PDB file of N, CA and C in Angstrom:
ATOM      1  N   UNK A   1     -10.490  -9.000  -0.075  1.00  0.00           N
ATOM      2  CA  UNK A   1     -11.043  -8.186   0.926  1.00  0.00           C
ATOM      3  C   UNK A   1     -10.954  -6.711   0.442  1.00  0.00           C
ATOM      4  N   UNK A   2     -12.012  -6.005   0.581  1.00  0.00           N
ATOM      5  CA  UNK A   2     -11.986  -4.567   0.140  1.00  0.00           C
ATOM      6  C   UNK A   2     -11.514  -3.696   1.308  1.00  0.00           C
ATOM      7  N   UNK A   3     -11.203  -2.508   1.011  1.00  0.00           N
ATOM      8  CA  UNK A   3     -10.750  -1.526   1.949  1.00  0.00           C
ATOM      9  C   UNK A   3     -11.780  -1.363   3.093  1.00  0.00           C
ATOM     10  N   UNK A   4     -13.065  -1.273   2.657  1.00  0.00           N
ATOM     11  CA  UNK A   4     -14.176  -1.124   3.620  1.00  0.00           C
ATOM     12  C   UNK A   4     -14.294  -2.308   4.543  1.00  0.00           C
ATOM     13  N   UNK A   5     -14.156  -3.523   3.978  1.00  0.00           N
ATOM     14  CA  UNK A   5     -14.176  -4.699   4.835  1.00  0.00           C
ATOM     15  C   UNK A   5     -12.991  -4.707   5.846  1.00  0.00           C
ATOM     16  N   UNK A   6     -11.838  -4.341   5.364  1.00  0.00           N
ATOM     17  CA  UNK A   6     -10.683  -4.275   6.193  1.00  0.00           C
ATOM     18  C   UNK A   6     -10.828  -3.218   7.331  1.00  0.00           C
ATOM     19  N   UNK A   7     -11.382  -2.075   6.981  1.00  0.00           N
ATOM     20  CA  UNK A   7     -11.624  -1.047   8.013  1.00  0.00           C
ATOM     21  C   UNK A   7     -12.746  -1.464   9.003  1.00  0.00           C
ATOM     22  N   UNK A   8     -13.698  -2.199   8.559  1.00  0.00           N
ATOM     23  CA  UNK A   8     -14.749  -2.673   9.472  1.00  0.00           C
ATOM     24  C   UNK A   8     -14.207  -3.709  10.405  1.00  0.00           C
ATOM     25  N   UNK A   9     -13.377  -4.628   9.928  1.00  0.00           N
ATOM     26  CA  UNK A   9     -12.781  -5.649  10.780  1.00  0.00           C
ATOM     27  C   UNK A   9     -11.787  -5.064  11.762  1.00  0.00           C
ATOM     28  N   UNK A  10     -11.039  -4.051  11.314  1.00  0.00           N
ATOM     29  CA  UNK A  10     -10.100  -3.333  12.208  1.00  0.00           C
ATOM     30  C   UNK A  10     -10.852  -2.621  13.277  1.00  0.00           C
ATOM     31  N   UNK A  11     -11.950  -1.962  12.907  1.00  0.00           N
ATOM     32  CA  UNK A  11     -12.721  -1.161  13.868  1.00  0.00           C
ATOM     33  C   UNK A  11     -13.334  -2.086  14.922  1.00  0.00           C
ATOM     34  N   UNK A  12     -13.789  -3.218  14.547  1.00  0.00           N
ATOM     35  CA  UNK A  12     -14.363  -4.156  15.488  1.00  0.00           C
ATOM     36  C   UNK A  12     -13.341  -4.761  16.427  1.00  0.00           C
ATOM     37  N   UNK A  13     -12.153  -5.040  15.827  1.00  0.00           N
ATOM     38  CA  UNK A  13     -11.116  -5.657  16.581  1.00  0.00           C
ATOM     39  C   UNK A  13     -10.535  -4.805  17.705  1.00  0.00           C
ATOM     40  N   UNK A  14     -10.286  -3.507  17.379  1.00  0.00           N
ATOM     41  CA  UNK A  14      -9.690  -2.590  18.372  1.00  0.00           C
ATOM     42  C   UNK A  14     -10.672  -1.588  19.000  1.00  0.00           C
ATOM     43  N   UNK A  15     -11.946  -1.827  18.689  1.00  0.00           N
ATOM     44  CA  UNK A  15     -13.085  -0.967  19.280  1.00  0.00           C
ATOM     45  C   UNK A  15     -12.837   0.507  19.000  1.00  0.00           C
ATOM     46  N   UNK A  16     -12.754   0.826  17.737  1.00  0.00           N
ATOM     47  CA  UNK A  16     -12.730   2.254  17.252  1.00  0.00           C
ATOM     48  C   UNK A  16     -13.781   2.461  16.218  1.00  0.00           C
ATOM     49  N   UNK A  17     -13.985   3.632  15.816  1.00  0.00           N
ATOM     50  CA  UNK A  17     -14.982   3.859  14.799  1.00  0.00           C
ATOM     51  C   UNK A  17     -14.449   3.485  13.410  1.00  0.00           C
ATOM     52  N   UNK A  18     -15.400   3.238  12.492  1.00  0.00           N
ATOM     53  CA  UNK A  18     -14.989   2.824  11.210  1.00  0.00           C
ATOM     54  C   UNK A  18     -14.244   3.950  10.450  1.00  0.00           C
ATOM     55  N   UNK A  19     -14.600   5.186  10.800  1.00  0.00           N
ATOM     56  CA  UNK A  19     -13.890   6.349  10.152  1.00  0.00           C
ATOM     57  C   UNK A  19     -12.442   6.427  10.683  1.00  0.00           C
ATOM     58  N   UNK A  20     -12.248   6.132  11.968  1.00  0.00           N
ATOM     59  CA  UNK A  20     -10.855   6.122  12.496  1.00  0.00           C
ATOM     60  C   UNK A  20     -10.081   5.016  11.874  1.00  0.00           C
ATOM     61  N   UNK A  21     -10.680   3.890  11.712  1.00  0.00           N
ATOM     62  CA  UNK A  21     -10.024   2.689  11.041  1.00  0.00           C
ATOM     63  C   UNK A  21      -9.523   3.067   9.598  1.00  0.00           C
ATOM     64  N   UNK A  22     -10.451   3.751   8.880  1.00  0.00           N
ATOM     65  CA  UNK A  22     -10.092   4.190   7.542  1.00  0.00           C
ATOM     66  C   UNK A  22      -8.889   5.120   7.594  1.00  0.00           C
ATOM     67  N   UNK A  23      -8.884   6.072   8.557  1.00  0.00           N
ATOM     68  CA  UNK A  23      -7.768   6.969   8.719  1.00  0.00           C
ATOM     69  C   UNK A  23      -6.436   6.228   9.002  1.00  0.00           C
ATOM     70  N   UNK A  24      -6.520   5.220   9.853  1.00  0.00           N
ATOM     71  CA  UNK A  24      -5.308   4.391  10.199  1.00  0.00           C
ATOM     72  C   UNK A  24      -4.849   3.630   8.898  1.00  0.00           C
ATOM     73  N   UNK A  25      -5.747   3.018   8.169  1.00  0.00           N
ATOM     74  CA  UNK A  25      -5.381   2.365   6.962  1.00  0.00           C
ATOM     75  C   UNK A  25      -4.733   3.274   5.954  1.00  0.00           C
ATOM     76  N   UNK A  26      -5.329   4.460   5.788  1.00  0.00           N
ATOM     77  CA  UNK A  26      -4.850   5.423   4.879  1.00  0.00           C
ATOM     78  C   UNK A  26      -3.410   5.944   5.319  1.00  0.00           C
ATOM     79  N   UNK A  27      -3.230   6.087   6.618  1.00  0.00           N
ATOM     80  CA  UNK A  27      -1.913   6.546   7.101  1.00  0.00           C
ATOM     81  C   UNK A  27      -0.802   5.552   6.820  1.00  0.00           C
ATOM     82  N   UNK A  28      -1.162   4.349   6.819  1.00  0.00           N
ATOM     83  CA  UNK A  28      -0.144   3.303   6.486  1.00  0.00           C
ATOM     84  C   UNK A  28       0.016   3.056   4.955  1.00  0.00           C
ATOM     85  N   UNK A  29      -1.038   2.852   4.326  1.00  0.00           N
ATOM     86  CA  UNK A  29      -1.012   2.296   2.920  1.00  0.00           C
ATOM     87  C   UNK A  29      -1.238   3.296   1.787  1.00  0.00           C
ATOM     88  N   UNK A  30      -1.597   4.508   2.065  1.00  0.00           N
ATOM     89  CA  UNK A  30      -1.945   5.443   1.038  1.00  0.00           C
ATOM     90  C   UNK A  30      -0.812   5.648   0.030  1.00  0.00           C
ATOM     91  N   UNK A  31      -1.136   5.730  -1.212  1.00  0.00           N
ATOM     92  CA  UNK A  31      -0.142   5.929  -2.303  1.00  0.00           C
ATOM     93  C   UNK A  31      -0.032   7.396  -2.760  1.00  0.00           C
ATOM     94  N   UNK A  32      -0.841   8.247  -2.154  1.00  0.00           N
ATOM     95  CA  UNK A  32      -0.738   9.678  -2.489  1.00  0.00           C
ATOM     96  C   UNK A  32       0.628  10.193  -1.957  1.00  0.00           C
ATOM     97  N   UNK A  33       1.248  11.056  -2.765  1.00  0.00           N
ATOM     98  CA  UNK A  33       2.621  11.542  -2.393  1.00  0.00           C
ATOM     99  C   UNK A  33       2.615  12.180  -0.988  1.00  0.00           C
ATOM    100  N   UNK A  34       3.514  11.674  -0.195  1.00  0.00           N
ATOM    101  CA  UNK A  34       3.751  12.230   1.215  1.00  0.00           C
ATOM    102  C   UNK A  34       2.639  11.832   2.153  1.00  0.00           C
ATOM    103  N   UNK A  35       1.787  10.809   1.863  1.00  0.00           N
ATOM    104  CA  UNK A  35       0.696  10.501   2.755  1.00  0.00           C
ATOM    105  C   UNK A  35       0.979   9.133   3.571  1.00  0.00           C
ATOM    106  N   UNK A  36       1.099   8.092   2.823  1.00  0.00           N
ATOM    107  CA  UNK A  36       1.242   6.791   3.484  1.00  0.00           C
ATOM    108  C   UNK A  36       2.589   6.539   4.009  1.00  0.00           C
ATOM    109  N   UNK A  37       2.669   5.962   5.218  1.00  0.00           N
ATOM    110  CA  UNK A  37       4.014   5.705   5.797  1.00  0.00           C
ATOM    111  C   UNK A  37       4.898   4.814   4.909  1.00  0.00           C
ATOM    112  N   UNK A  38       4.329   3.782   4.369  1.00  0.00           N
ATOM    113  CA  UNK A  38       5.124   2.860   3.470  1.00  0.00           C
ATOM    114  C   UNK A  38       5.544   3.612   2.249  1.00  0.00           C
ATOM    115  N   UNK A  39       4.672   4.341   1.539  1.00  0.00           N
ATOM    116  CA  UNK A  39       4.972   5.108   0.395  1.00  0.00           C
ATOM    117  C   UNK A  39       6.051   6.131   0.591  1.00  0.00           C
ATOM    118  N   UNK A  40       6.018   6.856   1.741  1.00  0.00           N
ATOM    119  CA  UNK A  40       7.061   7.884   2.056  1.00  0.00           C
ATOM    120  C   UNK A  40       8.425   7.144   2.164  1.00  0.00           C
ATOM    121  N   UNK A  41       8.472   6.028   2.861  1.00  0.00           N
ATOM    122  CA  UNK A  41       9.750   5.328   2.999  1.00  0.00           C
ATOM    123  C   UNK A  41      10.253   4.858   1.622  1.00  0.00           C
ATOM    124  N   UNK A  42       9.392   4.295   0.831  1.00  0.00           N
ATOM    125  CA  UNK A  42       9.854   3.861  -0.520  1.00  0.00           C
ATOM    126  C   UNK A  42      10.291   5.009  -1.380  1.00  0.00           C
ATOM    127  N   UNK A  43       9.546   6.139  -1.318  1.00  0.00           N
ATOM    128  CA  UNK A  43       9.965   7.289  -2.047  1.00  0.00           C
ATOM    129  C   UNK A  43      11.338   7.783  -1.714  1.00  0.00           C
ATOM    130  N   UNK A  44      11.681   7.570  -0.421  1.00  0.00           N
ATOM    131  CA  UNK A  44      13.037   8.030   0.054  1.00  0.00           C
ATOM    132  C   UNK A  44      14.132   6.990  -0.307  1.00  0.00           C
ATOM    133  N   UNK A  45      13.736   5.943  -0.922  1.00  0.00           N
ATOM    134  CA  UNK A  45      14.743   4.888  -1.369  1.00  0.00           C
ATOM    135  C   UNK A  45      15.024   3.871  -0.241  1.00  0.00           C
ATOM    136  N   UNK A  46      14.238   3.801   0.757  1.00  0.00           N
ATOM    137  CA  UNK A  46      14.513   2.857   1.811  1.00  0.00           C
ATOM    138  C   UNK A  46      13.510   1.672   1.725  1.00  0.00           C
ATOM    139  N   UNK A  47      13.981   0.523   2.183  1.00  0.00           N
ATOM    140  CA  UNK A  47      13.124  -0.696   2.282  1.00  0.00           C
ATOM    141  C   UNK A  47      12.218  -0.514   3.506  1.00  0.00           C
ATOM    142  N   UNK A  48      11.078  -1.205   3.518  1.00  0.00           N
ATOM    143  CA  UNK A  48      10.168  -1.159   4.619  1.00  0.00           C
ATOM    144  C   UNK A  48       9.735  -2.595   4.978  1.00  0.00           C
ATOM    145  N   UNK A  49      10.075  -3.046   6.207  1.00  0.00           N
ATOM    146  CA  UNK A  49       9.772  -4.401   6.613  1.00  0.00           C
ATOM    147  C   UNK A  49       8.851  -4.360   7.788  1.00  0.00           C
ATOM    148  N   UNK A  50       7.768  -5.176   7.731  1.00  0.00           N
ATOM    149  CA  UNK A  50       6.919  -5.460   8.800  1.00  0.00           C
ATOM    150  C   UNK A  50       7.105  -6.901   9.194  1.00  0.00           C
ATOM    151  N   UNK A  51       7.753  -7.181  10.275  1.00  0.00           N
ATOM    152  CA  UNK A  51       8.118  -8.547  10.628  1.00  0.00           C
ATOM    153  C   UNK A  51       6.752  -9.406  10.706  1.00  0.00           C
ATOM    154  N   UNK A  52       6.766 -10.580  10.092  1.00  0.00           N
ATOM    155  CA  UNK A  52       5.714 -11.400  10.095  1.00  0.00           C
ATOM    156  C   UNK A  52       4.648 -11.044   9.024  1.00  0.00           C
ATOM    157  N   UNK A  53       4.868  -9.961   8.249  1.00  0.00           N
ATOM    158  CA  UNK A  53       3.893  -9.537   7.219  1.00  0.00           C
ATOM    159  C   UNK A  53       4.538  -9.491   5.884  1.00  0.00           C
ATOM    160  N   UNK A  54       5.647  -8.752   5.735  1.00  0.00           N
ATOM    161  CA  UNK A  54       6.263  -8.654   4.455  1.00  0.00           C
ATOM    162  C   UNK A  54       7.280  -7.548   4.342  1.00  0.00           C
ATOM    163  N   UNK A  55       7.980  -7.490   3.257  1.00  0.00           N
ATOM    164  CA  UNK A  55       9.002  -6.486   2.953  1.00  0.00           C
ATOM    165  C   UNK A  55       8.601  -5.812   1.660  1.00  0.00           C
ATOM    166  N   UNK A  56       8.583  -4.412   1.760  1.00  0.00           N
ATOM    167  CA  UNK A  56       8.323  -3.648   0.635  1.00  0.00           C
ATOM    168  C   UNK A  56       9.591  -2.906   0.176  1.00  0.00           C
ATOM    169  N   UNK A  57       9.859  -2.904  -1.138  1.00  0.00           N
ATOM    170  CA  UNK A  57      11.067  -2.237  -1.660  1.00  0.00           C
ATOM    171  C   UNK A  57      10.795  -1.901  -3.103  1.00  0.00           C
ATOM    172  N   UNK A  58      11.530  -0.960  -3.623  1.00  0.00           N
ATOM    173  CA  UNK A  58      11.494  -0.589  -4.974  1.00  0.00           C
ATOM    174  C   UNK A  58      12.722  -1.119  -5.728  1.00  0.00           C
ATOM    175  N   UNK A  59      12.615  -1.333  -7.024  1.00  0.00           N
ATOM    176  CA  UNK A  59      13.745  -1.695  -7.799  1.00  0.00           C
ATOM    177  C   UNK A  59      13.517  -1.229  -9.207  1.00  0.00           C
ATOM    178  N   UNK A  60      14.628  -0.977  -9.912  1.00  0.00           N
ATOM    179  CA  UNK A  60      14.577  -0.602 -11.297  1.00  0.00           C
ATOM    180  C   UNK A  60      14.509  -1.861 -12.184  1.00  0.00           C
ATOM    181  N   UNK A  61      13.739  -1.725 -13.234  1.00  0.00           N
ATOM    182  CA  UNK A  61      13.634  -2.902 -14.168  1.00  0.00           C
ATOM    183  C   UNK A  61      13.951  -2.299 -15.519  1.00  0.00           C
ATOM    184  N   UNK A  62      14.477  -3.141 -16.350  1.00  0.00           N
ATOM    185  CA  UNK A  62      14.797  -2.779 -17.747  1.00  0.00           C
ATOM    186  C   UNK A  62      13.472  -2.667 -18.479  1.00  0.00           C
ATOM    187  N   UNK A  63      13.434  -1.750 -19.490  1.00  0.00           N
ATOM    188  CA  UNK A  63      12.366  -1.603 -20.321  1.00  0.00           C
ATOM    189  C   UNK A  63      12.141  -2.842 -21.136  1.00  0.00           C
ATOM    190  N   UNK A  64      10.878  -3.131 -21.577  1.00  0.00           N
ATOM    191  CA  UNK A  64      10.646  -4.273 -22.363  1.00  0.00           C
ATOM    192  C   UNK A  64       9.963  -3.826 -23.642  1.00  0.00           C
ATOM    193  N   UNK A  65      10.133  -4.582 -24.714  1.00  0.00           N
ATOM    194  CA  UNK A  65       9.535  -4.251 -25.995  1.00  0.00           C
ATOM    195  C   UNK A  65       8.063  -4.591 -25.987  1.00  0.00           C
ATOM    196  N   UNK A  66       7.280  -3.606 -26.261  1.00  0.00           N
ATOM    197  CA  UNK A  66       5.794  -3.830 -26.307  1.00  0.00           C
ATOM    198  C   UNK A  66       5.444  -4.485 -27.662  1.00  0.00           C
ATOM    199  N   UNK A  67       4.208  -5.033 -27.725  1.00  0.00           N
ATOM    200  CA  UNK A  67       3.735  -5.667 -28.875  1.00  0.00           C
ATOM    201  C   UNK A  67       2.270  -5.229 -29.131  1.00  0.00           C
ATOM    202  N   UNK A  68       1.944  -4.899 -30.330  1.00  0.00           N
ATOM    203  CA  UNK A  68       0.568  -4.525 -30.728  1.00  0.00           C
ATOM    204  C   UNK A  68      -0.154  -5.802 -30.933  1.00  0.00           C
ATOM    205  N   UNK A  69      -1.170  -6.111 -30.143  1.00  0.00           N
ATOM    206  CA  UNK A  69      -1.877  -7.421 -30.256  1.00  0.00           C
ATOM    207  C   UNK A  69      -2.645  -7.540 -31.621  1.00  0.00           C
ATOM    208  N   UNK A  70      -3.004  -6.417 -32.197  1.00  0.00           N
ATOM    209  CA  UNK A  70      -3.735  -6.431 -33.453  1.00  0.00           C
ATOM    210  C   UNK A  70      -2.819  -6.802 -34.635  1.00  0.00           C
ATOM    211  N   UNK A  71      -1.630  -6.233 -34.663  1.00  0.00           N
ATOM    212  CA  UNK A  71      -0.797  -6.455 -35.838  1.00  0.00           C
ATOM    213  C   UNK A  71       0.389  -7.381 -35.530  1.00  0.00           C
ATOM    214  N   UNK A  72       0.576  -7.739 -34.266  1.00  0.00           N
ATOM    215  CA  UNK A  72       1.621  -8.647 -33.953  1.00  0.00           C
ATOM    216  C   UNK A  72       2.963  -7.907 -33.851  1.00  0.00           C
TER     217      UNK A  72
END
């Protein structure tokens, strides 16, 4: 599902304009610094849980050795 399809379904479901639905989606999921609610919480080092939907969190991972596919 694309963001436009999501916004259209949200707009129809709660009887708002498609533009307002896009604003709501961006307010929650935007990855621009300081914009999306989930992103702001993760940037602050906190976990973000939506019951019945999922849990978002950040974690550090060890670096891995890359491989040049041409030379092996």
